[in-house]
Amino acid sequence: MSGPVQVTLSQKEWELVSSLRDIPASPLKERIDALLGDLVKFAADPKCFEFQADGVPCTNTNGDCESCRKVTDVIDLLRRRITAP
């Protein structure tokens, strides 16, 4: 993407964008950018690996399937480890 982007952001969205922009260029920033990009893509269109009874992949992250639980468990673990004293 090049050039300025005009978009209205909520306060939380702006805080996230601003925080990401404050991270100095480094391999860590590259990894964070990649992780967040993948996480957002998954959340927007989960394409669960487990198929429903009709053979179509599940697209609902509200289910209690193993694939969604793995993702939410990893997110919960990361949050706990990052916020631990």
PDB file of N, CA and C in Angstrom:
ATOM      1  N   MET A   1       0.856  -1.160   0.000  1.00  0.00           N
ATOM      2  CA  MET A   1       0.000   0.000   0.000  1.00  0.00           C
ATOM      3  C   MET A   1       0.902   1.222   0.000  1.00  0.00           C
ATOM      4  N   SER A   2       0.543   2.204  -0.779  1.00  0.00           N
ATOM      5  CA  SER A   2       1.336   3.423  -0.790  1.00  0.00           C
ATOM      6  C   SER A   2       0.423   4.633  -0.695  1.00  0.00           C
ATOM      7  N   GLY A   3       0.948   5.702  -0.147  1.00  0.00           N
ATOM      8  CA  GLY A   3       0.171   6.921  -0.010  1.00  0.00           C
ATOM      9  C   GLY A   3      -0.677   6.902   1.233  1.00  0.00           C
ATOM     10  N   PRO A   4      -1.208   8.072   1.582  1.00  0.00           N
ATOM     11  CA  PRO A   4      -2.037   8.166   2.788  1.00  0.00           C
ATOM     12  C   PRO A   4      -3.375   7.452   2.617  1.00  0.00           C
ATOM     13  N   VAL A   5      -3.892   6.965   3.729  1.00  0.00           N
ATOM     14  CA  VAL A   5      -5.184   6.289   3.746  1.00  0.00           C
ATOM     15  C   VAL A   5      -6.112   7.121   4.628  1.00  0.00           C
ATOM     16  N   GLN A   6      -7.285   7.432   4.114  1.00  0.00           N
ATOM     17  CA  GLN A   6      -8.261   8.198   4.879  1.00  0.00           C
ATOM     18  C   GLN A   6      -9.332   7.235   5.379  1.00  0.00           C
ATOM     19  N   VAL A   7      -9.405   7.096   6.705  1.00  0.00           N
ATOM     20  CA  VAL A   7     -10.380   6.197   7.293  1.00  0.00           C
ATOM     21  C   VAL A   7     -10.699   6.682   8.704  1.00  0.00           C
ATOM     22  N   THR A   8     -11.925   6.474   9.124  1.00  0.00           N
ATOM     23  CA  THR A   8     -12.321   6.824  10.480  1.00  0.00           C
ATOM     24  C   THR A   8     -12.081   5.616  11.377  1.00  0.00           C
ATOM     25  N   LEU A   9     -11.366   5.840  12.465  1.00  0.00           N
ATOM     26  CA  LEU A   9     -11.054   4.771  13.403  1.00  0.00           C
ATOM     27  C   LEU A   9     -11.697   5.043  14.751  1.00  0.00           C
ATOM     28  N   SER A  10     -12.065   3.963  15.431  1.00  0.00           N
ATOM     29  CA  SER A  10     -12.515   4.112  16.814  1.00  0.00           C
ATOM     30  C   SER A  10     -11.287   4.425  17.665  1.00  0.00           C
ATOM     31  N   GLN A  11     -11.499   4.810  18.901  1.00  0.00           N
ATOM     32  CA  GLN A  11     -10.381   5.104  19.799  1.00  0.00           C
ATOM     33  C   GLN A  11      -9.493   3.880  19.981  1.00  0.00           C
ATOM     34  N   LYS A  12     -10.102   2.705  20.171  1.00  0.00           N
ATOM     35  CA  LYS A  12      -9.325   1.470  20.353  1.00  0.00           C
ATOM     36  C   LYS A  12      -8.514   1.145  19.097  1.00  0.00           C
ATOM     37  N   GLU A  13      -9.133   1.312  17.922  1.00  0.00           N
ATOM     38  CA  GLU A  13      -8.419   1.056  16.669  1.00  0.00           C
ATOM     39  C   GLU A  13      -7.229   1.994  16.531  1.00  0.00           C
ATOM     40  N   TRP A  14      -7.440   3.274  16.850  1.00  0.00           N
ATOM     41  CA  TRP A  14      -6.336   4.236  16.738  1.00  0.00           C
ATOM     42  C   TRP A  14      -5.220   3.881  17.713  1.00  0.00           C
ATOM     43  N   GLU A  15      -5.553   3.480  18.926  1.00  0.00           N
ATOM     44  CA  GLU A  15      -4.532   3.103  19.903  1.00  0.00           C
ATOM     45  C   GLU A  15      -3.716   1.922  19.388  1.00  0.00           C
ATOM     46  N   LEU A  16      -4.376   0.954  18.774  1.00  0.00           N
ATOM     47  CA  LEU A  16      -3.674  -0.202  18.226  1.00  0.00           C
ATOM     48  C   LEU A  16      -2.751   0.214  17.083  1.00  0.00           C
ATOM     49  N   VAL A  17      -3.278   0.983  16.146  1.00  0.00           N
ATOM     50  CA  VAL A  17      -2.470   1.434  15.010  1.00  0.00           C
ATOM     51  C   VAL A  17      -1.288   2.264  15.503  1.00  0.00           C
ATOM     52  N   SER A  18      -1.549   3.162  16.417  1.00  0.00           N
ATOM     53  CA  SER A  18      -0.496   4.019  16.951  1.00  0.00           C
ATOM     54  C   SER A  18       0.574   3.192  17.662  1.00  0.00           C
ATOM     55  N   SER A  19       0.157   2.218  18.437  1.00  0.00           N
ATOM     56  CA  SER A  19       1.109   1.346  19.131  1.00  0.00           C
ATOM     57  C   SER A  19       1.968   0.564  18.146  1.00  0.00           C
ATOM     58  N   LEU A  20       1.354   0.061  17.090  1.00  0.00           N
ATOM     59  CA  LEU A  20       2.113  -0.677  16.071  1.00  0.00           C
ATOM     60  C   LEU A  20       3.129   0.224  15.388  1.00  0.00           C
ATOM     61  N   ARG A  21       2.742   1.452  15.131  1.00  0.00           N
ATOM     62  CA  ARG A  21       3.646   2.402  14.473  1.00  0.00           C
ATOM     63  C   ARG A  21       4.798   2.804  15.380  1.00  0.00           C
ATOM     64  N   ASP A  22       4.615   2.724  16.701  1.00  0.00           N
ATOM     65  CA  ASP A  22       5.657   3.093  17.656  1.00  0.00           C
ATOM     66  C   ASP A  22       6.744   2.029  17.797  1.00  0.00           C
ATOM     67  N   ILE A  23       6.487   0.823  17.329  1.00  0.00           N
ATOM     68  CA  ILE A  23       7.486  -0.251  17.442  1.00  0.00           C
ATOM     69  C   ILE A  23       8.592   0.023  16.431  1.00  0.00           C
ATOM     70  N   PRO A  24       9.840   0.106  16.901  1.00  0.00           N
ATOM     71  CA  PRO A  24      10.943   0.371  15.971  1.00  0.00           C
ATOM     72  C   PRO A  24      11.099  -0.764  14.947  1.00  0.00           C
ATOM     73  N   ALA A  25      11.542  -0.402  13.754  1.00  0.00           N
ATOM     74  CA  ALA A  25      11.794  -1.408  12.712  1.00  0.00           C
ATOM     75  C   ALA A  25      12.801  -2.422  13.245  1.00  0.00           C
ATOM     76  N   SER A  26      12.446  -3.691  13.155  1.00  0.00           N
ATOM     77  CA  SER A  26      13.306  -4.763  13.671  1.00  0.00           C
ATOM     78  C   SER A  26      12.694  -6.100  13.254  1.00  0.00           C
ATOM     79  N   PRO A  27      13.445  -7.174  13.422  1.00  0.00           N
ATOM     80  CA  PRO A  27      12.870  -8.496  13.157  1.00  0.00           C
ATOM     81  C   PRO A  27      11.650  -8.776  14.043  1.00  0.00           C
ATOM     82  N   LEU A  28      11.656  -8.263  15.280  1.00  0.00           N
ATOM     83  CA  LEU A  28      10.503  -8.456  16.164  1.00  0.00           C
ATOM     84  C   LEU A  28       9.268  -7.787  15.584  1.00  0.00           C
ATOM     85  N   LYS A  29       9.405  -6.556  15.094  1.00  0.00           N
ATOM     86  CA  LYS A  29       8.271  -5.849  14.486  1.00  0.00           C
ATOM     87  C   LYS A  29       7.744  -6.625  13.284  1.00  0.00           C
ATOM     88  N   GLU A  30       8.634  -7.154  12.466  1.00  0.00           N
ATOM     89  CA  GLU A  30       8.219  -7.944  11.308  1.00  0.00           C
ATOM     90  C   GLU A  30       7.403  -9.157  11.744  1.00  0.00           C
ATOM     91  N   ARG A  31       7.835  -9.810  12.811  1.00  0.00           N
ATOM     92  CA  ARG A  31       7.120 -10.991  13.316  1.00  0.00           C
ATOM     93  C   ARG A  31       5.756 -10.611  13.886  1.00  0.00           C
ATOM     94  N   ILE A  32       5.714  -9.495  14.615  1.00  0.00           N
ATOM     95  CA  ILE A  32       4.443  -9.025  15.167  1.00  0.00           C
ATOM     96  C   ILE A  32       3.480  -8.669  14.039  1.00  0.00           C
ATOM     97  N   ASP A  33       3.968  -7.940  13.032  1.00  0.00           N
ATOM     98  CA  ASP A  33       3.128  -7.576  11.891  1.00  0.00           C
ATOM     99  C   ASP A  33       2.570  -8.823  11.196  1.00  0.00           C
ATOM    100  N   ALA A  34       3.424  -9.823  11.001  1.00  0.00           N
ATOM    101  CA  ALA A  34       2.986 -11.054  10.340  1.00  0.00           C
ATOM    102  C   ALA A  34       1.960 -11.799  11.197  1.00  0.00           C
ATOM    103  N   LEU A  35       2.227 -11.910  12.497  1.00  0.00           N
ATOM    104  CA  LEU A  35       1.309 -12.606  13.397  1.00  0.00           C
ATOM    105  C   LEU A  35      -0.049 -11.922  13.424  1.00  0.00           C
ATOM    106  N   LEU A  36      -0.053 -10.597  13.600  1.00  0.00           N
ATOM    107  CA  LEU A  36      -1.323  -9.868  13.655  1.00  0.00           C
ATOM    108  C   LEU A  36      -2.070  -9.965  12.324  1.00  0.00           C
ATOM    109  N   GLY A  37      -1.344  -9.892  11.220  1.00  0.00           N
ATOM    110  CA  GLY A  37      -1.983 -10.036   9.911  1.00  0.00           C
ATOM    111  C   GLY A  37      -2.659 -11.392   9.766  1.00  0.00           C
ATOM    112  N   ASP A  38      -1.955 -12.450  10.156  1.00  0.00           N
ATOM    113  CA  ASP A  38      -2.530 -13.797  10.071  1.00  0.00           C
ATOM    114  C   ASP A  38      -3.715 -13.961  11.012  1.00  0.00           C
ATOM    115  N   LEU A  39      -3.597 -13.411  12.210  1.00  0.00           N
ATOM    116  CA  LEU A  39      -4.678 -13.518  13.186  1.00  0.00           C
ATOM    117  C   LEU A  39      -5.931 -12.806  12.698  1.00  0.00           C
ATOM    118  N   VAL A  40      -5.765 -11.618  12.145  1.00  0.00           N
ATOM    119  CA  VAL A  40      -6.912 -10.865  11.631  1.00  0.00           C
ATOM    120  C   VAL A  40      -7.542 -11.601  10.447  1.00  0.00           C
ATOM    121  N   LYS A  41      -6.735 -12.151   9.560  1.00  0.00           N
ATOM    122  CA  LYS A  41      -7.270 -12.927   8.425  1.00  0.00           C
ATOM    123  C   LYS A  41      -8.077 -14.118   8.924  1.00  0.00           C
ATOM    124  N   PHE A  42      -7.547 -14.820   9.921  1.00  0.00           N
ATOM    125  CA  PHE A  42      -8.264 -15.974  10.467  1.00  0.00           C
ATOM    126  C   PHE A  42      -9.589 -15.550  11.082  1.00  0.00           C
ATOM    127  N   ALA A  43      -9.566 -14.478  11.880  1.00  0.00           N
ATOM    128  CA  ALA A  43     -10.784 -14.024  12.551  1.00  0.00           C
ATOM    129  C   ALA A  43     -11.841 -13.573  11.553  1.00  0.00           C
ATOM    130  N   ALA A  44     -11.417 -12.950  10.462  1.00  0.00           N
ATOM    131  CA  ALA A  44     -12.359 -12.463   9.458  1.00  0.00           C
ATOM    132  C   ALA A  44     -12.959 -13.603   8.631  1.00  0.00           C
ATOM    133  N   ASP A  45     -12.182 -14.664   8.414  1.00  0.00           N
ATOM    134  CA  ASP A  45     -12.635 -15.775   7.587  1.00  0.00           C
ATOM    135  C   ASP A  45     -11.949 -17.051   8.069  1.00  0.00           C
ATOM    136  N   PRO A  46     -12.465 -17.662   9.147  1.00  0.00           N
ATOM    137  CA  PRO A  46     -11.743 -18.743   9.814  1.00  0.00           C
ATOM    138  C   PRO A  46     -11.455 -19.988   8.981  1.00  0.00           C
ATOM    139  N   LYS A  47     -12.311 -20.371   8.051  1.00  0.00           N
ATOM    140  CA  LYS A  47     -12.090 -21.574   7.244  1.00  0.00           C
ATOM    141  C   LYS A  47     -11.538 -22.721   8.098  1.00  0.00           C
ATOM    142  N   CYS A  48     -12.340 -23.098   9.036  1.00  0.00           N
ATOM    143  CA  CYS A  48     -11.980 -24.153   9.970  1.00  0.00           C
ATOM    144  C   CYS A  48     -11.594 -25.434   9.220  1.00  0.00           C
ATOM    145  N   PHE A  49     -10.620 -26.147   9.774  1.00  0.00           N
ATOM    146  CA  PHE A  49     -10.183 -27.391   9.155  1.00  0.00           C
ATOM    147  C   PHE A  49     -11.209 -28.502   9.323  1.00  0.00           C
ATOM    148  N   GLU A  50     -12.056 -28.374  10.340  1.00  0.00           N
ATOM    149  CA  GLU A  50     -13.060 -29.404  10.572  1.00  0.00           C
ATOM    150  C   GLU A  50     -14.283 -29.131   9.695  1.00  0.00           C
ATOM    151  N   PHE A  51     -14.765 -30.158   9.058  1.00  0.00           N
ATOM    152  CA  PHE A  51     -15.916 -30.023   8.178  1.00  0.00           C
ATOM    153  C   PHE A  51     -17.213 -30.286   8.930  1.00  0.00           C
ATOM    154  N   GLN A  52     -18.244 -29.599   8.509  1.00  0.00           N
ATOM    155  CA  GLN A  52     -19.562 -29.819   9.081  1.00  0.00           C
ATOM    156  C   GLN A  52     -20.147 -31.102   8.490  1.00  0.00           C
ATOM    157  N   ALA A  53     -21.316 -31.472   8.943  1.00  0.00           N
ATOM    158  CA  ALA A  53     -21.965 -32.702   8.468  1.00  0.00           C
ATOM    159  C   ALA A  53     -22.197 -32.676   6.958  1.00  0.00           C
ATOM    160  N   ASP A  54     -22.409 -31.475   6.377  1.00  0.00           N
ATOM    161  CA  ASP A  54     -22.652 -31.394   4.932  1.00  0.00           C
ATOM    162  C   ASP A  54     -21.360 -31.346   4.125  1.00  0.00           C
ATOM    163  N   GLY A  55     -20.196 -31.461   4.781  1.00  0.00           N
ATOM    164  CA  GLY A  55     -18.922 -31.485   4.076  1.00  0.00           C
ATOM    165  C   GLY A  55     -18.327 -30.117   3.800  1.00  0.00           C
ATOM    166  N   VAL A  56     -18.996 -29.069   4.230  1.00  0.00           N
ATOM    167  CA  VAL A  56     -18.512 -27.705   4.004  1.00  0.00           C
ATOM    168  C   VAL A  56     -17.700 -27.263   5.218  1.00  0.00           C
ATOM    169  N   PRO A  57     -16.543 -26.610   4.987  1.00  0.00           N
ATOM    170  CA  PRO A  57     -15.763 -26.138   6.140  1.00  0.00           C
ATOM    171  C   PRO A  57     -16.564 -25.155   6.986  1.00  0.00           C
ATOM    172  N   CYS A  58     -16.387 -25.235   8.280  1.00  0.00           N
ATOM    173  CA  CYS A  58     -17.068 -24.342   9.214  1.00  0.00           C
ATOM    174  C   CYS A  58     -16.471 -22.943   9.108  1.00  0.00           C
ATOM    175  N   THR A  59     -17.318 -21.920   9.159  1.00  0.00           N
ATOM    176  CA  THR A  59     -16.835 -20.534   9.123  1.00  0.00           C
ATOM    177  C   THR A  59     -17.275 -19.766  10.363  1.00  0.00           C
ATOM    178  N   ASN A  60     -17.639 -20.483  11.410  1.00  0.00           N
ATOM    179  CA  ASN A  60     -18.150 -19.842  12.615  1.00  0.00           C
ATOM    180  C   ASN A  60     -17.185 -20.073  13.769  1.00  0.00           C
ATOM    181  N   THR A  61     -16.564 -19.011  14.266  1.00  0.00           N
ATOM    182  CA  THR A  61     -15.606 -19.158  15.369  1.00  0.00           C
ATOM    183  C   THR A  61     -16.303 -19.241  16.721  1.00  0.00           C
ATOM    184  N   ASN A  62     -17.632 -19.242  16.743  1.00  0.00           N
ATOM    185  CA  ASN A  62     -18.361 -19.384  17.999  1.00  0.00           C
ATOM    186  C   ASN A  62     -18.560 -20.842  18.380  1.00  0.00           C
ATOM    187  N   GLY A  63     -18.194 -21.736  17.499  1.00  0.00           N
ATOM    188  CA  GLY A  63     -18.368 -23.158  17.761  1.00  0.00           C
ATOM    189  C   GLY A  63     -17.378 -23.650  18.798  1.00  0.00           C
ATOM    190  N   ASP A  64     -17.540 -24.865  19.197  1.00  0.00           N
ATOM    191  CA  ASP A  64     -16.658 -25.446  20.194  1.00  0.00           C
ATOM    192  C   ASP A  64     -15.842 -26.568  19.564  1.00  0.00           C
ATOM    193  N   CYS A  65     -15.320 -26.311  18.365  1.00  0.00           N
ATOM    194  CA  CYS A  65     -14.542 -27.365  17.701  1.00  0.00           C
ATOM    195  C   CYS A  65     -13.073 -27.271  18.132  1.00  0.00           C
ATOM    196  N   GLU A  66     -12.336 -28.292  17.859  1.00  0.00           N
ATOM    197  CA  GLU A  66     -10.944 -28.367  18.276  1.00  0.00           C
ATOM    198  C   GLU A  66     -10.094 -27.285  17.620  1.00  0.00           C
ATOM    199  N   SER A  67     -10.327 -26.993  16.336  1.00  0.00           N
ATOM    200  CA  SER A  67      -9.522 -25.991  15.642  1.00  0.00           C
ATOM    201  C   SER A  67      -9.682 -24.609  16.262  1.00  0.00           C
ATOM    202  N   CYS A  68     -10.918 -24.197  16.505  1.00  0.00           N
ATOM    203  CA  CYS A  68     -11.149 -22.877  17.103  1.00  0.00           C
ATOM    204  C   CYS A  68     -10.613 -22.826  18.527  1.00  0.00           C
ATOM    205  N   ARG A  69     -10.776 -23.914  19.259  1.00  0.00           N
ATOM    206  CA  ARG A  69     -10.260 -23.947  20.624  1.00  0.00           C
ATOM    207  C   ARG A  69      -8.750 -23.807  20.647  1.00  0.00           C
ATOM    208  N   LYS A  70      -8.071 -24.421  19.678  1.00  0.00           N
ATOM    209  CA  LYS A  70      -6.612 -24.306  19.621  1.00  0.00           C
ATOM    210  C   LYS A  70      -6.208 -22.847  19.443  1.00  0.00           C
ATOM    211  N   VAL A  71      -6.878 -22.146  18.544  1.00  0.00           N
ATOM    212  CA  VAL A  71      -6.546 -20.741  18.298  1.00  0.00           C
ATOM    213  C   VAL A  71      -6.847 -19.890  19.523  1.00  0.00           C
ATOM    214  N   THR A  72      -8.039 -20.052  20.094  1.00  0.00           N
ATOM    215  CA  THR A  72      -8.378 -19.238  21.260  1.00  0.00           C
ATOM    216  C   THR A  72      -7.493 -19.588  22.460  1.00  0.00           C
ATOM    217  N   ASP A  73      -7.104 -20.850  22.601  1.00  0.00           N
ATOM    218  CA  ASP A  73      -6.196 -21.236  23.692  1.00  0.00           C
ATOM    219  C   ASP A  73      -4.826 -20.578  23.526  1.00  0.00           C
ATOM    220  N   VAL A  74      -4.322 -20.533  22.301  1.00  0.00           N
ATOM    221  CA  VAL A  74      -3.030 -19.894  22.040  1.00  0.00           C
ATOM    222  C   VAL A  74      -3.111 -18.396  22.336  1.00  0.00           C
ATOM    223  N   ILE A  75      -4.202 -17.757  21.911  1.00  0.00           N
ATOM    224  CA  ILE A  75      -4.384 -16.328  22.187  1.00  0.00           C
ATOM    225  C   ILE A  75      -4.423 -16.094  23.695  1.00  0.00           C
ATOM    226  N   ASP A  76      -5.187 -16.913  24.409  1.00  0.00           N
ATOM    227  CA  ASP A  76      -5.272 -16.772  25.867  1.00  0.00           C
ATOM    228  C   ASP A  76      -3.909 -16.978  26.525  1.00  0.00           C
ATOM    229  N   LEU A  77      -3.151 -17.959  26.058  1.00  0.00           N
ATOM    230  CA  LEU A  77      -1.822 -18.220  26.608  1.00  0.00           C
ATOM    231  C   LEU A  77      -0.895 -17.038  26.355  1.00  0.00           C
ATOM    232  N   LEU A  78      -0.909 -16.512  25.154  1.00  0.00           N
ATOM    233  CA  LEU A  78      -0.074 -15.343  24.854  1.00  0.00           C
ATOM    234  C   LEU A  78      -0.430 -14.160  25.752  1.00  0.00           C
ATOM    235  N   ARG A  79      -1.710 -13.910  25.909  1.00  0.00           N
ATOM    236  CA  ARG A  79      -2.142 -12.786  26.758  1.00  0.00           C
ATOM    237  C   ARG A  79      -1.678 -12.972  28.194  1.00  0.00           C
ATOM    238  N   ARG A  80      -1.804 -14.194  28.722  1.00  0.00           N
ATOM    239  CA  ARG A  80      -1.367 -14.457  30.100  1.00  0.00           C
ATOM    240  C   ARG A  80       0.136 -14.275  30.244  1.00  0.00           C
ATOM    241  N   ARG A  81       0.892 -14.786  29.284  1.00  0.00           N
ATOM    242  CA  ARG A  81       2.358 -14.714  29.368  1.00  0.00           C
ATOM    243  C   ARG A  81       2.851 -13.287  29.211  1.00  0.00           C
ATOM    244  N   ILE A  82       2.204 -12.522  28.361  1.00  0.00           N
ATOM    245  CA  ILE A  82       2.638 -11.140  28.130  1.00  0.00           C
ATOM    246  C   ILE A  82       2.295 -10.251  29.328  1.00  0.00           C
ATOM    247  N   THR A  83       1.153 -10.500  29.953  1.00  0.00           N
ATOM    248  CA  THR A  83       0.734  -9.644  31.061  1.00  0.00           C
ATOM    249  C   THR A  83       1.217 -10.140  32.424  1.00  0.00           C
ATOM    250  N   ALA A  84       1.878 -11.298  32.450  1.00  0.00           N
ATOM    251  CA  ALA A  84       2.386 -11.833  33.730  1.00  0.00           C
ATOM    252  C   ALA A  84       3.507 -10.929  34.242  1.00  0.00           C
ATOM    253  N   PRO A  85       3.584 -10.772  35.576  1.00  0.00           N
ATOM    254  CA  PRO A  85       4.633  -9.914  36.141  1.00  0.00           C
ATOM    255  C   PRO A  85       6.029 -10.493  35.965  1.00  0.00           C
TER     256      PRO A  85
END
